């Protein structure tokens, strides 16, 4: 096993897109209870693990399927060690950070690194580890110590460290001192980076590169410039141009690997396709989407949604423009206190090519979402509702088409008479962590849904698998009345009792899904609900549907079964 460690200095979160293990030095066992407005999106894996949003980047970029064990937190490690101590596994010894915590970290990494992550079923050859936070922080200490020991365990040619550091521009001058200090700090901690990845807004000047190399005691070729690009998907090409591949081959002795002709051919084809798709960022044609949400202050709250829209826009040859609309600004109460915000928000919705309402929790902003749904439905604008976005679409339809004027959700009003959305009976109402319906579950398209626009994008299959994260569902007591009113429940769960997909037949694209299709979207294999939505917004739905329906679309089976095509 070869290990690539990516650490950060100066500031955290400066663009380290890596796989396949992420270390988060916080005490939470997982990310499930974290506020998305502070921490960003909670990403859900197929096994139901609620993890850091970076694992979504790993899966999207590398087309792999990870597990909850690929996200290591301080809480998980300490919980494991304490349970061992309670069982008597340490034979009465004093349990300490060194060696017990550090050994547990190393054992965890070595175990998880060998778990197959694609449909080949083969053990990986390389494990890339991202150490979250900033080296030197108190909470990172045990992980730093464990990783320095892991380097000794791995041995020569089997461990490479990339340290990511930010190079600021102050008064027009690129300042290298923070990077020099960061490298001194990580060396003091026991790390000796093989490569220094310099994050910067623009190309580094030769003088800056020379200074970093000289004062950090590395060769010029070991300083990699990671400047801002028009799209993050173009960063791999930027790294290739700087000779990263020969460096990796040399430091990790990758020439000793034997790669089959078939695997090499697949890799070259993938790289060519990646280059073609990412080139669409240069096209002038825009597709504008009004994203009506409740956590829009931090765009990372909807990171997977944004990435899914980007994947689909690239597939349709369009440049994506997202209009971030605070759902509360669409409500009557905002018109009364701040008319400018109200009219601006509605202008964004009404002039966009399509309307998207993503997932979320709680009542705040939901009346604005319902009004956005109503506008999209009545004006034949493409609409996509995800999780909460599907639930508010059901409520809107019940109120304004089926005559149930007081229709609501049990999440908004637990004592209401007409709760169109109810709490799932088996879900724990007391404990918050990991108690939702989580992970990969089947959805079956129903008899009579052959007309379904969404089903056609899944190549007309009867059954699909998508990831879920919700506590509430459509009340089955109202399904018959809604269907009589024209709302079609084209997809249900494998027992036929949970509503998974809604569609309106006489609408260009009105789709709501209870699952979160954004979790399975890939750069080279876009999520079907998002792809159909973008295609409808850009006037290409018929052409895109024809490609997927007859199986001619590249990687067209990405979400039909549990797994992925292992392109990398």
Protein backbone atom coordinates (compact mmCIF):
# COMPACT_ATOMS: atom_id res chain seq x y z
CA UNK A 1 0.00 0.00 0.00
CA UNK A 2 1.25 3.45 -0.93
CA UNK A 3 0.07 6.47 1.03
CA UNK A 4 -0.27 10.10 -0.04
CA UNK A 5 -0.85 12.49 2.85
CA UNK A 6 -2.29 15.94 2.17
CA UNK A 7 -2.00 18.44 5.02
CA UNK A 8 -2.76 22.15 5.27
CA UNK A 9 -1.13 25.22 6.75
CA UNK A 10 -1.78 28.97 7.10
CA UNK A 11 -5.54 28.37 6.77
CA UNK A 12 -7.65 25.25 6.41
CA UNK A 13 -10.03 24.50 3.55
CA UNK A 14 -7.85 25.88 0.76
CA UNK A 15 -8.87 23.44 -1.94
CA UNK A 16 -7.50 19.99 -1.16
CA UNK A 17 -9.59 17.67 -3.35
CA UNK A 18 -8.35 14.20 -2.49
CA UNK A 19 -9.41 10.65 -1.70
CA UNK A 20 -9.97 8.32 0.03
CA UNK A 21 -9.69 8.97 3.78
CA UNK A 22 -10.54 12.27 5.48
CA UNK A 23 -9.42 12.98 9.04
CA UNK A 24 -11.51 15.52 10.94
CA UNK A 25 -10.04 16.32 14.37
CA UNK A 26 -13.35 17.17 16.05
CA UNK A 27 -15.08 15.24 18.83
CA UNK A 28 -18.30 14.64 16.92
CA UNK A 29 -18.71 11.00 15.95
CA UNK A 30 -20.01 12.10 12.56
CA UNK A 31 -21.23 15.22 10.77
CA UNK A 32 -24.92 14.38 11.04
CA UNK A 33 -25.83 16.88 13.77
CA UNK A 34 -23.74 19.79 12.49
CA UNK A 35 -25.38 23.02 11.36
CA UNK A 36 -24.98 23.33 7.56
CA UNK A 37 -24.79 27.14 7.87
CA UNK A 38 -21.60 26.75 9.92
CA UNK A 39 -19.98 23.53 8.75
CA UNK A 40 -21.35 23.14 5.25
CA UNK A 41 -23.24 20.25 3.75
CA UNK A 42 -23.58 16.88 5.45
CA UNK A 43 -22.72 14.29 2.81
CA UNK A 44 -24.41 10.87 2.95
CA UNK A 45 -22.74 7.67 1.80
CA UNK A 46 -24.36 4.51 0.50
CA UNK A 47 -23.97 2.76 3.86
CA UNK A 48 -25.81 5.62 5.57
CA UNK A 49 -22.75 7.33 6.97
CA UNK A 50 -23.19 11.09 7.53
CA UNK A 51 -19.77 12.52 6.80
CA UNK A 52 -17.75 15.60 5.94
CA UNK A 53 -18.55 17.20 2.60
CA UNK A 54 -15.01 16.49 1.32
CA UNK A 55 -15.91 12.82 0.93
CA UNK A 56 -18.41 13.93 -1.69
CA UNK A 57 -15.55 15.50 -3.62
CA UNK A 58 -13.59 12.25 -3.40
CA UNK A 59 -16.46 10.20 -4.76
CA UNK A 60 -17.29 12.68 -7.52
CA UNK A 61 -13.74 13.11 -8.77
CA UNK A 62 -12.59 9.50 -8.53
CA UNK A 63 -15.89 7.73 -9.25
CA UNK A 64 -15.58 5.55 -6.16
CA UNK A 65 -17.93 4.48 -3.37
CA UNK A 66 -16.69 5.10 0.16
CA UNK A 67 -17.98 4.04 3.58
CA UNK A 68 -18.43 5.83 6.88
CA UNK A 69 -15.06 4.43 7.98
CA UNK A 70 -13.37 6.59 5.34
CA UNK A 71 -14.15 9.59 7.55
CA UNK A 72 -12.11 9.45 10.76
CA UNK A 73 -12.98 11.80 13.62
CA UNK A 74 -11.51 12.25 17.06
CA UNK A 75 -14.86 11.12 18.44
CA UNK A 76 -14.72 7.83 16.55
CA UNK A 77 -11.16 7.05 17.64
CA UNK A 78 -11.70 7.87 21.32
CA UNK A 79 -14.99 5.96 21.33
CA UNK A 80 -13.23 2.89 19.93
CA UNK A 81 -10.35 3.07 22.42
CA UNK A 82 -12.64 3.62 25.42
CA UNK A 83 -14.78 0.63 24.43
CA UNK A 84 -11.63 -1.50 24.22
CA UNK A 85 -10.55 -0.30 27.64
CA UNK A 86 -13.96 -1.15 29.12
CA UNK A 87 -13.74 -4.66 27.66
CA UNK A 88 -10.32 -5.12 29.23
CA UNK A 89 -8.52 -5.39 25.89
CA UNK A 90 -5.53 -3.45 27.24
CA UNK A 91 -5.00 -5.95 30.08
CA UNK A 92 -5.07 -3.36 32.83
CA UNK A 93 -2.48 -1.02 31.33
CA UNK A 94 -2.77 2.74 31.62
CA UNK A 95 -4.47 3.90 28.43
CA UNK A 96 -2.72 6.93 26.92
CA UNK A 97 -2.76 9.07 23.80
CA UNK A 98 0.60 7.52 22.87
CA UNK A 99 0.60 4.67 22.03
CA UNK A 100 -3.06 3.67 22.30
CA UNK A 101 -4.79 6.52 20.48
CA UNK A 102 -2.03 6.86 17.86
CA UNK A 103 -1.95 3.09 17.28
CA UNK A 104 -5.74 3.05 16.87
CA UNK A 105 -5.47 5.78 14.21
CA UNK A 106 -2.81 3.88 12.27
CA UNK A 107 -4.70 0.58 12.50
CA UNK A 108 -7.87 2.30 11.28
CA UNK A 109 -6.09 3.82 8.27
CA UNK A 110 -4.34 0.58 7.31
CA UNK A 111 -7.61 -1.36 7.53
CA UNK A 112 -9.77 1.08 5.58
CA UNK A 113 -7.09 1.73 2.93
CA UNK A 114 -7.41 -1.85 1.71
CA UNK A 115 -11.19 -1.92 1.33
CA UNK A 116 -12.28 -2.04 -2.37
CA UNK A 117 -13.94 1.21 -3.45
CA UNK A 118 -15.11 0.43 -7.00
CA UNK A 119 -16.95 -2.34 -8.79
CA UNK A 120 -13.74 -4.17 -9.65
CA UNK A 121 -13.68 -5.56 -6.13
CA UNK A 122 -9.89 -5.23 -6.07
CA UNK A 123 -7.83 -3.88 -3.18
CA UNK A 124 -6.61 -0.32 -3.87
CA UNK A 125 -2.93 0.29 -4.53
CA UNK A 126 -2.82 3.87 -3.24
CA UNK A 127 -4.61 5.54 -0.34
CA UNK A 128 -4.75 9.33 -0.22
CA UNK A 129 -5.32 10.79 3.23
CA UNK A 130 -6.39 14.35 3.94
CA UNK A 131 -5.62 15.70 7.39
CA UNK A 132 -8.28 18.32 8.02
CA UNK A 133 -7.70 21.54 9.89
CA UNK A 134 -4.31 23.18 10.27
CA UNK A 135 -1.11 21.41 11.33
CA UNK A 136 -0.08 22.85 14.69
CA UNK A 137 -3.61 23.04 16.10
CA UNK A 138 -3.95 21.29 19.47
CA UNK A 139 -6.70 18.93 18.29
CA UNK A 140 -4.58 17.69 15.37
CA UNK A 141 -1.71 16.57 17.62
CA UNK A 142 -2.58 12.86 18.00
CA UNK A 143 -3.22 12.52 14.26
CA UNK A 144 0.07 14.21 13.35
CA UNK A 145 1.95 11.86 15.66
CA UNK A 146 0.11 8.83 14.24
CA UNK A 147 0.86 9.84 10.66
CA UNK A 148 4.55 10.38 11.33
CA UNK A 149 4.62 6.85 12.73
CA UNK A 150 2.66 5.56 9.73
CA UNK A 151 5.35 6.96 7.45
CA UNK A 152 7.91 4.81 9.25
CA UNK A 153 5.61 1.79 9.01
CA UNK A 154 5.08 2.28 5.29
CA UNK A 155 8.76 2.69 4.48
CA UNK A 156 10.68 4.21 1.60
CA UNK A 157 8.88 4.74 -1.72
CA UNK A 158 5.49 4.11 -0.09
CA UNK A 159 4.67 7.45 1.57
CA UNK A 160 4.39 10.90 0.03
CA UNK A 161 3.31 14.10 1.71
CA UNK A 162 1.79 17.12 -0.02
CA UNK A 163 1.47 20.23 2.11
CA UNK A 164 -1.02 22.85 0.91
CA UNK A 165 -0.26 26.45 1.81
CA UNK A 166 -1.86 29.76 0.85
CA UNK A 167 0.26 32.48 -0.76
CA UNK A 168 -1.49 35.84 -0.18
CA UNK A 169 -1.04 38.99 -2.24
CA UNK A 170 -0.56 42.11 -0.10
CA UNK A 171 -0.20 45.51 -1.75
CA UNK A 172 0.45 43.78 -5.07
CA UNK A 173 3.26 41.59 -3.71
CA UNK A 174 3.09 37.79 -3.37
CA UNK A 175 4.06 37.00 0.21
CA UNK A 176 5.92 33.71 0.75
CA UNK A 177 6.69 34.15 4.46
CA UNK A 178 3.46 32.42 5.65
CA UNK A 179 4.36 29.35 3.57
CA UNK A 180 7.93 29.35 4.92
CA UNK A 181 6.62 29.49 8.47
CA UNK A 182 4.06 26.77 7.75
CA UNK A 183 6.74 24.40 6.46
CA UNK A 184 8.88 25.09 9.54
CA UNK A 185 5.87 24.29 11.71
CA UNK A 186 5.06 20.99 10.00
CA UNK A 187 8.72 19.94 10.15
CA UNK A 188 8.74 20.72 13.84
CA UNK A 189 5.74 18.39 14.12
CA UNK A 190 7.60 15.61 12.33
CA UNK A 191 6.36 16.09 8.76
CA UNK A 192 8.79 16.61 5.88
CA UNK A 193 6.71 17.47 2.79
CA UNK A 194 7.78 16.06 -0.55
CA UNK A 195 5.64 18.56 -2.45
CA UNK A 196 4.45 22.07 -1.54
CA UNK A 197 1.16 22.98 -3.21
CA UNK A 198 0.78 26.76 -3.23
CA UNK A 199 -2.79 28.03 -3.41
CA UNK A 200 -2.98 31.44 -5.01
CA UNK A 201 -5.32 33.64 -7.02
CA UNK A 202 -2.95 34.00 -9.98
CA UNK A 203 0.24 32.39 -11.25
CA UNK A 204 3.15 32.68 -8.85
CA UNK A 205 5.99 34.81 -10.06
CA UNK A 206 9.34 32.99 -10.64
CA UNK A 207 10.88 34.97 -7.79
CA UNK A 208 8.21 33.73 -5.38
CA UNK A 209 8.67 30.11 -6.46
CA UNK A 210 12.44 30.42 -6.10
CA UNK A 211 12.09 31.91 -2.63
CA UNK A 212 9.73 29.14 -1.45
CA UNK A 213 12.03 26.44 -2.83
CA UNK A 214 15.15 28.01 -1.32
CA UNK A 215 13.85 28.75 2.16
CA UNK A 216 11.81 25.53 2.39
CA UNK A 217 14.82 23.51 1.17
CA UNK A 218 13.12 21.74 -1.73
CA UNK A 219 13.80 21.62 -5.46
CA UNK A 220 11.92 23.96 -7.77
CA UNK A 221 9.98 21.04 -9.25
CA UNK A 222 8.63 20.28 -5.78
CA UNK A 223 6.75 23.59 -5.65
CA UNK A 224 3.36 23.14 -7.32
CA UNK A 225 1.27 26.21 -8.17
CA UNK A 226 -2.47 25.70 -7.70
CA UNK A 227 -3.90 28.96 -8.97
CA UNK A 228 -7.58 29.82 -9.31
CA UNK A 229 -9.11 28.31 -12.43
CA UNK A 230 -12.39 29.09 -14.23
CA UNK A 231 -13.60 25.71 -12.95
CA UNK A 232 -12.26 23.35 -10.29
CA UNK A 233 -12.62 20.59 -12.86
CA UNK A 234 -9.72 22.15 -14.76
CA UNK A 235 -7.31 21.80 -11.83
CA UNK A 236 -6.22 18.27 -12.87
CA UNK A 237 -5.04 19.67 -16.21
CA UNK A 238 -3.20 22.47 -14.39
CA UNK A 239 -1.37 19.90 -12.25
CA UNK A 240 -0.53 17.75 -15.27
CA UNK A 241 1.00 20.76 -17.04
CA UNK A 242 3.35 21.29 -14.10
CA UNK A 243 4.72 17.77 -14.28
CA UNK A 244 2.94 16.32 -11.25
CA UNK A 245 2.61 12.87 -12.81
CA UNK A 246 6.37 12.29 -13.28
CA UNK A 247 6.95 13.54 -9.72
CA UNK A 248 4.43 11.09 -8.29
CA UNK A 249 5.88 8.31 -10.40
CA UNK A 250 9.37 9.04 -9.11
CA UNK A 251 8.63 9.60 -5.40
CA UNK A 252 6.29 6.61 -5.07
CA UNK A 253 8.23 4.35 -7.47
CA UNK A 254 5.06 3.84 -9.49
CA UNK A 255 6.99 2.42 -12.43
CA UNK A 256 7.20 -0.77 -10.40
CA UNK A 257 3.44 -1.20 -10.80
CA UNK A 258 2.16 -3.45 -13.56
CA UNK A 259 -0.89 -1.94 -15.28
CA UNK A 260 -2.96 -3.98 -17.71
CA UNK A 261 -3.51 -2.72 -21.24
CA UNK A 262 -7.26 -2.60 -20.61
CA UNK A 263 -6.85 -0.44 -17.51
CA UNK A 264 -4.46 1.91 -19.28
CA UNK A 265 -6.86 2.22 -22.21
CA UNK A 266 -9.74 3.03 -19.85
CA UNK A 267 -7.63 5.66 -18.09
CA UNK A 268 -6.70 7.40 -21.33
CA UNK A 269 -10.33 7.38 -22.48
CA UNK A 270 -11.44 8.85 -19.15
CA UNK A 271 -8.83 11.60 -19.32
CA UNK A 272 -9.91 12.50 -22.86
CA UNK A 273 -13.56 12.65 -21.83
CA UNK A 274 -12.70 14.77 -18.79
CA UNK A 275 -10.89 17.28 -21.00
CA UNK A 276 -13.84 17.48 -23.41
CA UNK A 277 -16.42 18.03 -20.68
CA UNK A 278 -14.47 20.65 -18.75
CA UNK A 279 -13.97 22.70 -21.90
CA UNK A 280 -17.66 23.70 -21.85
CA UNK A 281 -16.86 26.30 -19.20
CA UNK A 282 -15.65 28.42 -22.09
CA UNK A 283 -19.00 28.37 -23.93
CA UNK A 284 -21.10 31.57 -23.88
CA UNK A 285 -24.56 29.95 -23.49
CA UNK A 286 -25.87 30.23 -19.93
CA UNK A 287 -28.46 28.19 -18.09
CA UNK A 288 -29.75 30.12 -15.07
CA UNK A 289 -31.19 28.32 -12.04
CA UNK A 290 -33.04 29.91 -9.14
CA UNK A 291 -31.97 27.90 -6.09
CA UNK A 292 -34.58 28.65 -3.44
CA UNK A 293 -33.13 27.60 -0.10
CA UNK A 294 -32.85 28.42 3.56
CA UNK A 295 -29.07 28.12 4.12
CA UNK A 296 -27.86 30.24 1.23
CA UNK A 297 -25.54 32.37 3.38
CA UNK A 298 -23.02 29.53 3.10
CA UNK A 299 -23.05 28.07 -0.39
CA UNK A 300 -21.23 24.96 0.84
CA UNK A 301 -24.50 24.04 2.56
CA UNK A 302 -25.64 22.92 -0.88
CA UNK A 303 -22.28 21.78 -2.25
CA UNK A 304 -23.48 18.47 -3.75
CA UNK A 305 -26.48 20.21 -5.30
CA UNK A 306 -24.19 22.76 -6.94
CA UNK A 307 -21.83 20.06 -8.19
CA UNK A 308 -24.73 18.06 -9.64
CA UNK A 309 -25.95 21.13 -11.49
CA UNK A 310 -22.41 21.70 -12.79
CA UNK A 311 -22.10 18.09 -13.99
CA UNK A 312 -25.41 18.34 -15.83
CA UNK A 313 -24.64 21.75 -17.32
CA UNK A 314 -21.33 20.44 -18.69
CA UNK A 315 -23.13 17.43 -20.14
CA UNK A 316 -25.60 19.80 -21.86
CA UNK A 317 -22.86 22.12 -23.11
CA UNK A 318 -23.99 25.06 -21.00
CA UNK A 319 -22.35 27.37 -18.49
CA UNK A 320 -24.18 27.33 -15.17
CA UNK A 321 -25.37 30.47 -13.40
CA UNK A 322 -26.99 29.95 -10.01
CA UNK A 323 -29.22 32.63 -8.53
CA UNK A 324 -29.21 32.21 -4.77
CA UNK A 325 -32.68 33.06 -3.46
CA UNK A 326 -33.46 33.19 0.24
CA UNK A 327 -36.84 31.46 0.55
CA UNK A 328 -37.95 33.87 3.28
CA UNK A 329 -37.55 36.79 0.88
CA UNK A 330 -40.37 35.34 -1.26
CA UNK A 331 -42.85 35.50 1.61
CA UNK A 332 -45.51 38.15 2.25
CA UNK A 333 -43.93 39.14 5.58
CA UNK A 334 -40.79 40.25 3.72
CA UNK A 335 -42.85 42.34 1.28
CA UNK A 336 -44.28 44.22 4.26
CA UNK A 337 -40.96 44.96 5.99
CA UNK A 338 -38.50 45.07 3.07
CA UNK A 339 -40.19 45.39 -0.35
CA UNK A 340 -36.85 45.67 -2.16
CA UNK A 341 -35.70 42.23 -0.96
CA UNK A 342 -39.10 40.78 -1.84
CA UNK A 343 -39.16 42.10 -5.39
CA UNK A 344 -35.50 41.26 -6.02
CA UNK A 345 -36.06 37.67 -4.92
CA UNK A 346 -39.12 37.28 -7.13
CA UNK A 347 -37.31 38.81 -10.10
CA UNK A 348 -34.57 36.19 -9.69
CA UNK A 349 -37.15 33.39 -9.65
CA UNK A 350 -39.28 34.66 -12.51
CA UNK A 351 -36.39 35.34 -14.90
CA UNK A 352 -34.46 32.09 -14.32
CA UNK A 353 -34.69 29.15 -16.71
CA UNK A 354 -35.75 26.84 -13.90
CA UNK A 355 -36.53 26.64 -10.18
CA UNK A 356 -34.88 24.26 -7.71
CA UNK A 357 -35.85 23.72 -4.08
CA UNK A 358 -33.27 21.51 -2.30
CA UNK A 359 -33.42 19.70 1.04
CA UNK A 360 -33.60 21.28 4.46
CA UNK A 361 -35.11 21.05 7.92
CA UNK A 362 -37.65 23.09 9.85
CA UNK A 363 -40.45 25.49 8.96
CA UNK A 364 -38.46 28.65 8.27
CA UNK A 365 -38.78 29.77 4.66
CA UNK A 366 -41.16 26.99 3.60
CA UNK A 367 -44.03 29.32 2.71
CA UNK A 368 -41.68 31.08 0.28
CA UNK A 369 -40.71 27.72 -1.17
CA UNK A 370 -44.37 26.82 -1.65
CA UNK A 371 -44.95 30.08 -3.52
CA UNK A 372 -41.96 29.37 -5.77
CA UNK A 373 -43.35 25.91 -6.53
CA UNK A 374 -46.75 27.40 -7.36
CA UNK A 375 -45.19 29.89 -9.77
CA UNK A 376 -43.14 27.20 -11.55
CA UNK A 377 -46.13 24.88 -11.83
CA UNK A 378 -48.55 27.48 -13.13
CA UNK A 379 -46.07 29.07 -15.54
CA UNK A 380 -44.75 25.76 -16.93
CA UNK A 381 -41.20 26.48 -15.77
CA UNK A 382 -38.98 23.44 -15.14
CA UNK A 383 -39.03 22.54 -11.47
CA UNK A 384 -36.96 20.12 -9.40
CA UNK A 385 -37.71 19.47 -5.74
CA UNK A 386 -35.35 17.40 -3.61
CA UNK A 387 -36.42 15.93 -0.25
CA UNK A 388 -38.01 18.99 1.41
CA UNK A 389 -38.39 20.36 -2.13
CA UNK A 390 -40.62 17.40 -2.99
CA UNK A 391 -42.60 17.73 0.24
CA UNK A 392 -43.41 21.42 -0.26
CA UNK A 393 -44.45 20.59 -3.85
CA UNK A 394 -46.95 18.06 -2.49
CA UNK A 395 -48.27 20.63 -0.01
CA UNK A 396 -48.57 23.27 -2.75
CA UNK A 397 -50.49 20.89 -5.02
CA UNK A 398 -52.82 19.87 -2.20
CA UNK A 399 -53.59 23.50 -1.34
CA UNK A 400 -54.02 25.03 -4.77
CA UNK A 401 -55.21 22.15 -6.96
CA UNK A 402 -56.90 19.65 -4.64
CA UNK A 403 -58.62 22.23 -2.44
CA UNK A 404 -56.98 21.25 0.87
CA UNK A 405 -56.33 24.86 1.84
CA UNK A 406 -54.79 24.07 5.24
CA UNK A 407 -52.43 21.37 3.93
CA UNK A 408 -49.12 21.38 5.79
CA UNK A 409 -46.38 19.17 7.20
CA UNK A 410 -46.15 17.60 10.62
CA UNK A 411 -42.67 19.13 10.78
CA UNK A 412 -44.24 22.60 10.53
CA UNK A 413 -47.37 22.01 12.65
CA UNK A 414 -47.66 18.79 14.61
CA UNK A 415 -51.31 19.39 15.61
CA UNK A 416 -52.67 20.32 12.17
CA UNK A 417 -55.65 18.39 10.82
CA UNK A 418 -54.38 17.92 7.27
CA UNK A 419 -50.77 16.86 7.57
CA UNK A 420 -49.75 15.93 4.02
CA UNK A 421 -46.25 15.17 5.32
CA UNK A 422 -45.78 13.02 8.43
CA UNK A 423 -42.94 11.81 10.63
CA UNK A 424 -41.85 8.32 9.67
CA UNK A 425 -43.19 5.94 12.33
CA UNK A 426 -40.00 3.97 12.88
CA UNK A 427 -37.72 7.00 13.25
CA UNK A 428 -36.49 7.89 16.75
CA UNK A 429 -37.94 11.27 17.76
CA UNK A 430 -35.62 11.78 20.73
CA UNK A 431 -32.11 11.05 19.46
CA UNK A 432 -30.80 13.20 16.61
CA UNK A 433 -27.58 11.51 15.49
CA UNK A 434 -27.88 8.85 12.74
CA UNK A 435 -31.63 8.31 13.31
CA UNK A 436 -32.98 9.34 9.91
CA UNK A 437 -33.65 7.12 6.93
CA UNK A 438 -30.11 7.11 5.61
CA UNK A 439 -28.10 5.57 2.81
CA UNK A 440 -28.90 3.63 -0.35
CA UNK A 441 -32.48 2.41 -0.81
CA UNK A 442 -34.41 1.12 -3.83
CA UNK A 443 -37.08 3.08 -5.71
CA UNK A 444 -39.49 1.23 -7.98
CA UNK A 445 -41.18 2.98 -10.88
CA UNK A 446 -44.87 2.16 -10.82
CA UNK A 447 -47.06 0.44 -13.36
CA UNK A 448 -48.49 3.02 -15.73
CA UNK A 449 -45.51 5.34 -15.37
CA UNK A 450 -44.02 4.47 -18.74
CA UNK A 451 -44.58 8.10 -19.77
CA UNK A 452 -42.38 9.33 -16.89
CA UNK A 453 -39.76 11.78 -18.09
CA UNK A 454 -37.49 10.87 -15.19
CA UNK A 455 -37.84 7.13 -15.74
CA UNK A 456 -36.77 7.53 -19.36
CA UNK A 457 -33.47 9.05 -18.18
CA UNK A 458 -32.88 5.92 -16.11
CA UNK A 459 -33.14 3.99 -19.41
CA UNK A 460 -36.72 2.95 -18.61
CA UNK A 461 -35.63 0.69 -15.75
CA UNK A 462 -38.12 -0.61 -13.20
CA UNK A 463 -35.81 -0.16 -10.21
CA UNK A 464 -33.13 2.35 -9.26
CA UNK A 465 -31.03 2.92 -6.13
CA UNK A 466 -30.44 6.36 -4.64
CA UNK A 467 -29.29 7.74 -1.29
CA UNK A 468 -31.70 9.10 1.32
CA UNK A 469 -31.58 11.45 4.31
CA UNK A 470 -34.97 12.32 5.81
CA UNK A 471 -37.30 11.87 8.77
CA UNK A 472 -40.56 12.87 7.09
CA UNK A 473 -42.53 11.36 4.20
CA UNK A 474 -45.74 11.88 2.24
CA UNK A 475 -48.83 10.83 4.20
CA UNK A 476 -50.23 7.78 2.33
CA UNK A 477 -53.76 8.72 3.44
CA UNK A 478 -53.76 11.60 0.92
CA UNK A 479 -52.13 9.86 -2.03
CA UNK A 480 -55.36 8.80 -3.73
CA UNK A 481 -56.85 12.30 -3.60
CA UNK A 482 -53.65 13.84 -4.91
CA UNK A 483 -53.50 11.36 -7.78
CA UNK A 484 -57.13 12.06 -8.64
CA UNK A 485 -56.15 15.73 -8.80
CA UNK A 486 -53.40 15.01 -11.34
CA UNK A 487 -50.25 14.57 -9.25
CA UNK A 488 -48.54 11.32 -10.24
CA UNK A 489 -46.51 9.26 -7.77
CA UNK A 490 -44.41 7.54 -10.39
CA UNK A 491 -41.89 6.06 -7.96
CA UNK A 492 -42.36 4.32 -4.61
CA UNK A 493 -40.21 2.30 -2.24
CA UNK A 494 -39.88 -1.48 -2.52
CA UNK A 495 -42.90 -1.98 -0.22
CA UNK A 496 -45.05 0.45 -2.19
CA UNK A 497 -45.87 2.55 0.89
CA UNK A 498 -43.35 5.40 0.68
CA UNK A 499 -43.68 8.00 -2.05
CA UNK A 500 -40.30 8.52 -3.73
CA UNK A 501 -41.03 10.39 -6.99
CA UNK A 502 -43.74 12.86 -8.03
CA UNK A 503 -44.34 14.18 -11.54
CA UNK A 504 -46.95 16.19 -13.42
CA UNK A 505 -47.69 14.76 -16.85
CA UNK A 506 -48.76 17.93 -18.66
CA UNK A 507 -45.74 19.96 -17.54
CA UNK A 508 -42.39 20.26 -19.39
CA UNK A 509 -40.49 19.15 -16.25
CA UNK A 510 -42.07 19.05 -12.81
CA UNK A 511 -40.26 16.44 -10.73
CA UNK A 512 -39.88 15.92 -7.00
CA UNK A 513 -37.78 13.18 -5.41
CA UNK A 514 -37.68 12.17 -1.76
CA UNK A 515 -34.12 10.89 -2.11
CA UNK A 516 -31.00 13.01 -2.62
CA UNK A 517 -29.77 12.25 -6.15
CA UNK A 518 -26.94 14.78 -5.79
CA UNK A 519 -25.02 12.30 -3.61
CA UNK A 520 -24.51 9.96 -6.56
CA UNK A 521 -23.78 12.50 -9.27
CA UNK A 522 -20.37 12.17 -10.91
CA UNK A 523 -18.38 14.47 -13.16
CA UNK A 524 -18.60 12.03 -16.06
CA UNK A 525 -21.98 10.58 -15.10
CA UNK A 526 -24.50 13.25 -14.02
CA UNK A 527 -27.41 12.56 -11.70
CA UNK A 528 -30.52 11.81 -13.76
CA UNK A 529 -32.99 14.13 -11.96
CA UNK A 530 -30.53 17.03 -12.21
CA UNK A 531 -29.63 16.19 -15.80
CA UNK A 532 -33.28 16.12 -16.85
CA UNK A 533 -33.89 19.39 -15.04
CA UNK A 534 -30.95 21.19 -16.72
CA UNK A 535 -31.82 19.65 -20.08
CA UNK A 536 -35.39 20.93 -19.77
CA UNK A 537 -34.11 24.37 -18.73
CA UNK A 538 -31.84 24.54 -21.79
CA UNK A 539 -34.34 23.13 -24.32
CA UNK A 540 -32.51 19.81 -24.77
CA UNK A 541 -34.66 17.36 -22.83
CA UNK A 542 -35.87 15.38 -25.85
CA UNK A 543 -32.37 14.89 -27.25
CA UNK A 544 -30.81 13.98 -23.90
CA UNK A 545 -33.68 11.62 -23.09
CA UNK A 546 -33.31 9.85 -26.43
CA UNK A 547 -29.63 9.18 -25.72
CA UNK A 548 -30.28 7.68 -22.29
CA UNK A 549 -33.44 5.86 -23.26
CA UNK A 550 -31.74 3.89 -26.04
CA UNK A 551 -28.55 3.37 -24.02
CA UNK A 552 -26.25 5.37 -26.30
CA UNK A 553 -25.24 7.92 -23.63
CA UNK A 554 -21.75 7.52 -22.19
CA UNK A 555 -21.75 5.89 -18.74
CA UNK A 556 -25.52 5.73 -18.94
CA UNK A 557 -25.94 3.09 -16.24
CA UNK A 558 -24.26 4.96 -13.41
CA UNK A 559 -27.25 5.03 -11.04
CA UNK A 560 -29.33 2.10 -12.24
CA UNK A 561 -27.51 -0.26 -9.92
CA UNK A 562 -25.71 0.13 -6.62
CA UNK A 563 -22.18 1.00 -7.59
CA UNK A 564 -20.33 2.87 -10.27
CA UNK A 565 -18.28 2.31 -13.35
CA UNK A 566 -14.83 2.70 -11.78
CA UNK A 567 -13.51 4.97 -14.53
CA UNK A 568 -10.39 5.91 -12.62
